[in-house]
Protein backbone atom coordinates (compact mmCIF):
# COMPACT_ATOMS: atom_id res chain seq x y z
CA MET A 1 0.01 -0.09 -0.22
CA THR A 2 1.45 3.40 -1.00
CA ASP A 3 1.38 6.48 1.49
CA GLU A 4 -1.12 8.02 -0.68
CA GLU A 5 -3.27 4.94 -0.13
CA GLU A 6 -2.93 4.79 3.36
CA ARG A 7 -3.59 8.50 3.75
CA ASP A 8 -6.95 7.94 1.77
CA ASP A 9 -7.80 5.35 4.16
CA GLN A 10 -7.40 7.33 7.10
CA GLU A 11 -9.38 10.03 5.81
CA LYS A 12 -12.22 7.70 5.30
CA LYS A 13 -12.25 6.67 8.53
CA THR A 14 -12.48 10.04 9.88
CA LEU A 15 -16.26 10.93 10.69
CA THR A 16 -17.29 14.35 9.83
CA ALA A 17 -18.81 16.72 12.54
CA GLN A 18 -22.24 15.70 10.91
CA GLU A 19 -21.85 12.11 10.95
CA THR A 20 -20.64 12.22 14.30
CA SER A 21 -23.67 14.60 15.34
CA LEU A 22 -25.88 12.03 13.87
CA PHE A 23 -24.45 9.08 15.47
CA VAL A 24 -24.56 10.49 18.72
CA PHE A 25 -28.20 11.42 18.07
CA GLY A 26 -28.96 7.61 16.99
CA LEU A 27 -27.27 6.60 20.44
CA VAL A 28 -29.69 9.05 22.34
CA GLU A 29 -32.75 7.91 20.15
CA GLN A 30 -32.08 4.51 21.09
CA LYS A 31 -31.93 5.20 24.84
CA ALA A 32 -35.30 7.09 24.48
CA TRP A 33 -36.77 3.94 23.08
CA ILE A 34 -35.45 1.96 26.02
CA SER A 35 -36.88 4.66 28.48
CA LEU A 36 -40.27 4.23 26.91
CA GLY A 37 -39.94 0.74 27.86
CA LEU A 38 -40.53 -0.64 24.31
CA VAL A 39 -36.91 -1.63 23.43
CA LYS A 40 -34.84 -3.80 25.79
CA ASP A 41 -31.69 -2.59 27.13
CA GLY A 42 -28.19 -4.50 26.32
CA ASP A 43 -29.10 -6.96 29.24
CA GLY A 44 -32.32 -7.78 27.42
CA GLU A 45 -34.38 -6.11 30.31
CA PHE A 46 -37.12 -3.59 29.65
CA HIS A 47 -37.04 -0.34 31.80
CA LYS A 48 -39.53 2.31 31.52
CA SER A 49 -38.69 5.93 32.91
CA GLN A 50 -41.21 8.79 32.17
CA ASN A 51 -38.35 11.29 33.61
CA ASP A 52 -35.59 9.62 31.42
CA ALA A 53 -37.70 9.74 28.26
CA ARG A 54 -38.80 13.26 28.63
CA LEU A 55 -35.28 14.45 28.97
CA LEU A 56 -33.79 12.21 25.82
CA ILE A 57 -36.65 13.68 23.90
CA ASP A 58 -36.16 16.99 24.84
CA ILE A 59 -32.27 16.62 23.99
CA LEU A 60 -33.04 15.35 20.44
CA SER A 61 -35.57 18.21 19.77
CA LYS A 62 -32.43 20.55 20.75
CA MET A 63 -30.06 18.72 18.59
CA ILE A 64 -32.31 18.71 15.61
CA GLU A 65 -32.49 22.81 15.97
CA ALA A 66 -28.70 22.84 16.24
CA PHE A 67 -28.54 20.58 13.13
CA GLU A 68 -30.77 22.99 10.70
CA PRO A 69 -28.17 25.22 9.41
CA HIS A 70 -25.90 22.69 8.89
CA MET A 71 -27.58 19.58 7.18
CA GLU A 72 -29.63 18.90 4.14
CA GLU A 73 -33.28 19.35 4.43
CA LYS A 74 -33.63 15.55 3.90
CA ILE A 75 -32.00 14.68 6.95
CA ILE A 76 -33.52 17.02 8.89
CA ASN A 77 -36.72 15.85 7.74
CA GLU A 78 -35.67 12.30 8.66
CA VAL A 79 -34.52 13.15 12.03
CA ARG A 80 -38.06 15.10 12.64
CA SER A 81 -39.82 12.43 11.59
CA GLN A 82 -38.07 10.25 13.99
CA LEU A 83 -38.58 12.75 16.78
CA THR A 84 -42.26 12.59 16.21
CA THR A 85 -42.53 9.03 16.32
CA LEU A 86 -41.09 8.93 19.73
CA GLN A 87 -43.27 12.02 20.99
CA LEU A 88 -46.39 10.00 19.65
CA ASN A 89 -44.71 6.70 21.67
CA PHE A 90 -44.35 9.00 24.97
CA VAL A 91 -47.67 10.15 24.66
CA ASN A 92 -49.02 6.53 24.28
CA GLN A 93 -46.99 5.03 27.31
CA PHE A 94 -47.19 8.07 29.75
CA GLY A 95 -49.88 9.94 28.70
CA LYS A 96 -52.70 8.21 30.56
CA LYS A 97 -50.95 8.44 33.74
CA GLU A 98 -50.52 12.22 33.51
CA GLU A 99 -54.29 12.82 32.75
CA GLN A 100 -54.77 10.64 35.83
CA SER A 101 -52.34 12.56 38.27
CA LYS A 102 -53.81 15.80 36.73
CA GLY A 103 -57.63 14.49 37.46
CA THR A 104 -56.72 13.51 40.95
CA ALA A 105 -54.73 16.94 41.79
């Protein structure tokens, strides 16, 4: 392998800031699904935490705001769609509890 080929390989292994950001977005999104109790964690267990899910969904929302000036509209639409799906599932998982707690207050 020539020096130029090695440099090309090294450049290909380096993620751009956008790729890294989307990777982190995916990690946070996965943890949000786990917190909704709809996906098993790494140990094969289900966990459900309304507070964690809300925090993670809020973080994803802020990440999308930061992405907007730097990423293509197609990518922004995809991550917005993923966020909307999480938000709808949040309501499905926890909406009844919030309504009940408001009704008893």
